[in-house]
Amino acid sequence: MATVTITKQQTEFLATAGNLRGRGQTMGEALDSLVQQGTISVPIIIHQFGGDKFFTQKQYDRMQELRRRVGTLSQGEQSELEALIDAQLDASQARLKASQRP
């Protein structure tokens, strides 16, 4: 499934969806820049840039380490990376639910 992904570059944010690219000083600006290029009808994933109570810094650091080594991972490490990605998605859902509470 195609997605919109927003990541932090050195001095700006980059939003990508397929071949489309949007840039901005904030995540919102990057997404707005991307949306102005065409209709976006896919999920949007915003990468967490560190740990929190839903996805710890230790989990985040390990996931980043494994992502840097994609293509050279052992079967066990690939499974670990997939589990961490699932945990990060669960954390995103938990964060969203927590933000909607009055």
N, C-alpha and C. Protein backbone atom coordinates (compact mmCIF):
# COMPACT_ATOMS: atom_id res chain seq x y z
N MET A 1 0.84 -1.17 0.00
CA MET A 1 0.00 0.00 0.00
C MET A 1 0.89 1.24 0.00
N ALA A 2 0.52 2.21 -0.83
CA ALA A 2 1.24 3.47 -0.87
C ALA A 2 0.92 4.27 0.40
N THR A 3 1.87 5.08 0.82
CA THR A 3 1.67 5.92 2.00
C THR A 3 2.29 7.28 1.76
N VAL A 4 1.89 8.21 2.58
CA VAL A 4 2.58 9.49 2.69
C VAL A 4 3.48 9.36 3.91
N THR A 5 4.73 9.67 3.76
CA THR A 5 5.67 9.61 4.86
C THR A 5 6.30 10.98 5.05
N ILE A 6 6.35 11.42 6.30
CA ILE A 6 6.99 12.70 6.62
C ILE A 6 8.19 12.41 7.51
N THR A 7 9.35 12.85 7.07
CA THR A 7 10.58 12.63 7.84
C THR A 7 11.30 13.95 8.03
N LYS A 8 12.13 13.99 9.05
CA LYS A 8 12.91 15.20 9.32
C LYS A 8 14.26 15.06 8.64
N GLN A 9 14.59 16.06 7.83
CA GLN A 9 15.91 16.15 7.22
C GLN A 9 16.75 17.03 8.14
N GLN A 10 17.89 17.47 7.72
CA GLN A 10 18.75 18.26 8.61
C GLN A 10 18.10 19.57 9.04
N THR A 11 17.55 20.32 8.11
CA THR A 11 17.00 21.63 8.46
C THR A 11 15.54 21.80 8.07
N GLU A 12 14.92 20.74 7.55
CA GLU A 12 13.53 20.84 7.12
C GLU A 12 12.87 19.47 7.17
N PHE A 13 11.58 19.46 6.89
CA PHE A 13 10.83 18.22 6.83
C PHE A 13 10.57 17.87 5.37
N LEU A 14 10.54 16.58 5.07
CA LEU A 14 10.28 16.09 3.72
C LEU A 14 9.07 15.17 3.76
N ALA A 15 8.07 15.47 2.94
CA ALA A 15 6.89 14.62 2.80
C ALA A 15 6.98 13.93 1.45
N THR A 16 6.77 12.62 1.41
CA THR A 16 6.84 11.88 0.16
C THR A 16 5.60 11.00 0.00
N ALA A 17 5.17 10.86 -1.25
CA ALA A 17 4.09 9.95 -1.63
C ALA A 17 4.38 9.53 -3.06
N GLY A 18 4.85 8.31 -3.22
CA GLY A 18 5.24 7.88 -4.57
C GLY A 18 6.34 8.77 -5.09
N ASN A 19 6.12 9.38 -6.26
CA ASN A 19 7.12 10.27 -6.86
C ASN A 19 6.99 11.72 -6.41
N LEU A 20 5.96 12.03 -5.64
CA LEU A 20 5.75 13.40 -5.18
C LEU A 20 6.61 13.71 -3.96
N ARG A 21 7.12 14.94 -3.88
CA ARG A 21 7.93 15.39 -2.75
C ARG A 21 7.47 16.77 -2.32
N GLY A 22 7.33 16.97 -1.03
CA GLY A 22 7.01 18.29 -0.49
C GLY A 22 7.96 18.62 0.63
N ARG A 23 8.34 19.87 0.74
CA ARG A 23 9.29 20.29 1.78
C ARG A 23 8.71 21.45 2.57
N GLY A 24 9.14 21.56 3.83
CA GLY A 24 8.70 22.68 4.65
C GLY A 24 9.46 22.76 5.94
N GLN A 25 9.33 23.87 6.64
CA GLN A 25 10.00 24.08 7.92
C GLN A 25 9.31 23.30 9.04
N THR A 26 8.05 22.91 8.82
CA THR A 26 7.31 22.10 9.79
C THR A 26 6.71 20.90 9.06
N MET A 27 6.23 19.91 9.81
CA MET A 27 5.58 18.76 9.19
C MET A 27 4.37 19.22 8.38
N GLY A 28 3.60 20.14 8.95
CA GLY A 28 2.42 20.63 8.27
C GLY A 28 2.74 21.32 6.96
N GLU A 29 3.80 22.14 6.95
CA GLU A 29 4.20 22.81 5.71
C GLU A 29 4.62 21.80 4.64
N ALA A 30 5.34 20.78 5.06
CA ALA A 30 5.78 19.75 4.11
C ALA A 30 4.58 19.01 3.53
N LEU A 31 3.62 18.67 4.39
CA LEU A 31 2.42 17.98 3.93
C LEU A 31 1.61 18.89 3.01
N ASP A 32 1.44 20.15 3.38
CA ASP A 32 0.71 21.10 2.53
C ASP A 32 1.38 21.21 1.16
N SER A 33 2.70 21.28 1.14
CA SER A 33 3.44 21.37 -0.11
C SER A 33 3.19 20.13 -0.98
N LEU A 34 3.12 18.99 -0.34
CA LEU A 34 2.86 17.74 -1.06
C LEU A 34 1.44 17.71 -1.61
N VAL A 35 0.48 18.06 -0.78
CA VAL A 35 -0.94 18.02 -1.18
C VAL A 35 -1.21 18.98 -2.33
N GLN A 36 -0.51 20.10 -2.39
CA GLN A 36 -0.71 21.07 -3.47
C GLN A 36 -0.33 20.50 -4.83
N GLN A 37 0.46 19.42 -4.83
CA GLN A 37 0.90 18.83 -6.08
C GLN A 37 -0.12 17.85 -6.67
N GLY A 38 -1.10 17.45 -5.90
CA GLY A 38 -2.10 16.53 -6.40
C GLY A 38 -2.93 15.96 -5.27
N THR A 39 -3.93 15.17 -5.63
CA THR A 39 -4.80 14.56 -4.65
C THR A 39 -4.07 13.42 -3.95
N ILE A 40 -4.07 13.45 -2.63
CA ILE A 40 -3.44 12.41 -1.83
C ILE A 40 -4.55 11.62 -1.16
N SER A 41 -4.65 10.35 -1.46
CA SER A 41 -5.71 9.52 -0.87
C SER A 41 -5.11 8.25 -0.27
N VAL A 42 -4.04 8.42 0.47
CA VAL A 42 -3.36 7.29 1.12
C VAL A 42 -3.11 7.64 2.58
N PRO A 43 -2.84 6.63 3.41
CA PRO A 43 -2.53 6.92 4.82
C PRO A 43 -1.30 7.80 4.96
N ILE A 44 -1.26 8.58 6.03
CA ILE A 44 -0.11 9.44 6.31
C ILE A 44 0.58 8.89 7.55
N ILE A 45 1.88 8.64 7.44
CA ILE A 45 2.69 8.14 8.55
C ILE A 45 3.70 9.21 8.90
N ILE A 46 3.67 9.67 10.15
CA ILE A 46 4.65 10.65 10.62
C ILE A 46 5.58 9.93 11.58
N HIS A 47 6.84 9.83 11.21
CA HIS A 47 7.81 9.11 12.03
C HIS A 47 8.04 9.86 13.34
N GLN A 48 8.04 9.12 14.42
CA GLN A 48 8.38 9.67 15.73
C GLN A 48 9.89 9.88 15.76
N PHE A 49 10.35 11.00 16.25
CA PHE A 49 11.78 11.32 16.23
C PHE A 49 12.45 11.06 17.56
N GLY A 50 11.95 10.14 18.32
CA GLY A 50 12.53 9.78 19.60
C GLY A 50 11.53 8.98 20.41
N GLY A 51 11.93 8.56 21.56
CA GLY A 51 11.06 7.75 22.40
C GLY A 51 10.08 8.55 23.21
N ASP A 52 9.07 7.86 23.70
CA ASP A 52 8.09 8.44 24.61
C ASP A 52 7.48 7.29 25.41
N LYS A 53 6.40 7.54 26.12
CA LYS A 53 5.82 6.50 26.97
C LYS A 53 5.16 5.40 26.15
N PHE A 54 4.94 5.61 24.86
CA PHE A 54 4.29 4.62 24.01
C PHE A 54 5.30 3.77 23.23
N PHE A 55 6.47 4.34 22.94
CA PHE A 55 7.52 3.66 22.18
C PHE A 55 8.84 4.21 22.74
N THR A 56 9.54 3.40 23.50
CA THR A 56 10.68 3.89 24.28
C THR A 56 11.86 4.32 23.40
N GLN A 57 12.74 5.10 24.00
CA GLN A 57 13.95 5.53 23.29
C GLN A 57 14.80 4.31 22.90
N LYS A 58 14.83 3.31 23.76
CA LYS A 58 15.60 2.09 23.47
C LYS A 58 15.03 1.41 22.22
N GLN A 59 13.70 1.31 22.14
CA GLN A 59 13.06 0.72 20.96
C GLN A 59 13.36 1.55 19.71
N TYR A 60 13.25 2.86 19.86
CA TYR A 60 13.50 3.77 18.73
C TYR A 60 14.94 3.63 18.23
N ASP A 61 15.89 3.64 19.14
CA ASP A 61 17.31 3.53 18.76
C ASP A 61 17.59 2.21 18.06
N ARG A 62 17.03 1.12 18.58
CA ARG A 62 17.24 -0.19 17.98
C ARG A 62 16.62 -0.25 16.58
N MET A 63 15.42 0.30 16.43
CA MET A 63 14.77 0.31 15.13
C MET A 63 15.61 1.10 14.12
N GLN A 64 16.12 2.26 14.53
CA GLN A 64 16.95 3.07 13.65
C GLN A 64 18.21 2.31 13.24
N GLU A 65 18.82 1.63 14.20
CA GLU A 65 20.03 0.85 13.91
C GLU A 65 19.73 -0.23 12.86
N LEU A 66 18.63 -0.95 13.05
CA LEU A 66 18.27 -2.00 12.11
C LEU A 66 17.89 -1.43 10.75
N ARG A 67 17.21 -0.30 10.72
CA ARG A 67 16.82 0.32 9.45
C ARG A 67 18.04 0.74 8.65
N ARG A 68 19.08 1.20 9.33
CA ARG A 68 20.31 1.60 8.63
C ARG A 68 20.99 0.39 7.98
N ARG A 69 20.72 -0.79 8.50
CA ARG A 69 21.39 -2.00 8.00
C ARG A 69 20.49 -2.87 7.13
N VAL A 70 19.33 -2.35 6.71
CA VAL A 70 18.43 -3.13 5.87
C VAL A 70 19.19 -3.64 4.65
N GLY A 71 18.96 -4.86 4.31
CA GLY A 71 19.68 -5.49 3.20
C GLY A 71 20.80 -6.39 3.69
N THR A 72 21.24 -6.18 4.93
CA THR A 72 22.30 -7.01 5.50
C THR A 72 21.85 -7.69 6.79
N LEU A 73 20.54 -7.60 7.10
CA LEU A 73 20.03 -8.15 8.36
C LEU A 73 19.91 -9.67 8.29
N SER A 74 20.15 -10.30 9.42
CA SER A 74 19.89 -11.74 9.53
C SER A 74 18.37 -11.94 9.58
N GLN A 75 17.94 -13.17 9.44
CA GLN A 75 16.49 -13.47 9.52
C GLN A 75 15.92 -13.00 10.86
N GLY A 76 16.66 -13.25 11.95
CA GLY A 76 16.21 -12.83 13.27
C GLY A 76 16.11 -11.32 13.40
N GLU A 77 17.11 -10.61 12.86
CA GLU A 77 17.09 -9.15 12.91
C GLU A 77 15.96 -8.58 12.06
N GLN A 78 15.68 -9.21 10.91
CA GLN A 78 14.57 -8.76 10.07
C GLN A 78 13.25 -8.92 10.81
N SER A 79 13.09 -10.04 11.50
CA SER A 79 11.88 -10.27 12.30
C SER A 79 11.78 -9.24 13.43
N GLU A 80 12.92 -8.94 14.06
CA GLU A 80 12.94 -7.94 15.12
C GLU A 80 12.54 -6.57 14.58
N LEU A 81 13.06 -6.20 13.41
CA LEU A 81 12.71 -4.92 12.80
C LEU A 81 11.21 -4.86 12.51
N GLU A 82 10.67 -5.91 11.96
CA GLU A 82 9.23 -5.94 11.65
C GLU A 82 8.41 -5.81 12.93
N ALA A 83 8.84 -6.46 14.00
CA ALA A 83 8.13 -6.35 15.28
C ALA A 83 8.21 -4.92 15.83
N LEU A 84 9.36 -4.28 15.68
CA LEU A 84 9.51 -2.89 16.14
C LEU A 84 8.64 -1.94 15.30
N ILE A 85 8.55 -2.18 14.01
CA ILE A 85 7.70 -1.35 13.16
C ILE A 85 6.24 -1.51 13.58
N ASP A 86 5.83 -2.75 13.86
CA ASP A 86 4.46 -2.99 14.36
C ASP A 86 4.24 -2.28 15.69
N ALA A 87 5.24 -2.33 16.57
CA ALA A 87 5.12 -1.67 17.87
C ALA A 87 5.03 -0.16 17.71
N GLN A 88 5.77 0.38 16.76
CA GLN A 88 5.71 1.83 16.51
C GLN A 88 4.34 2.22 15.99
N LEU A 89 3.75 1.40 15.13
CA LEU A 89 2.40 1.68 14.64
C LEU A 89 1.40 1.62 15.79
N ASP A 90 1.52 0.61 16.65
CA ASP A 90 0.65 0.52 17.83
C ASP A 90 0.81 1.76 18.71
N ALA A 91 2.05 2.22 18.86
CA ALA A 91 2.32 3.41 19.67
C ALA A 91 1.66 4.65 19.04
N SER A 92 1.70 4.74 17.72
CA SER A 92 1.06 5.87 17.04
C SER A 92 -0.44 5.88 17.31
N GLN A 93 -1.04 4.71 17.26
CA GLN A 93 -2.48 4.61 17.53
C GLN A 93 -2.78 4.97 18.98
N ALA A 94 -1.94 4.52 19.91
CA ALA A 94 -2.13 4.84 21.32
C ALA A 94 -1.97 6.33 21.57
N ARG A 95 -0.99 6.96 20.90
CA ARG A 95 -0.78 8.40 21.01
C ARG A 95 -2.00 9.17 20.52
N LEU A 96 -2.54 8.73 19.40
CA LEU A 96 -3.72 9.38 18.85
C LEU A 96 -4.90 9.26 19.79
N LYS A 97 -5.13 8.08 20.33
CA LYS A 97 -6.22 7.88 21.29
C LYS A 97 -6.03 8.77 22.52
N ALA A 98 -4.79 8.82 23.02
CA ALA A 98 -4.50 9.64 24.20
C ALA A 98 -4.73 11.12 23.93
N SER A 99 -4.45 11.56 22.71
CA SER A 99 -4.62 12.98 22.39
C SER A 99 -6.09 13.36 22.22
N GLN A 100 -6.95 12.39 22.04
CA GLN A 100 -8.37 12.67 21.84
C GLN A 100 -9.15 12.67 23.13
N ARG A 101 -8.53 12.30 24.21
CA ARG A 101 -9.22 12.29 25.52
C ARG A 101 -9.40 13.72 26.00
N PRO A 102 -10.57 14.00 26.60
CA PRO A 102 -10.81 15.38 27.10
C PRO A 102 -9.94 15.73 28.28
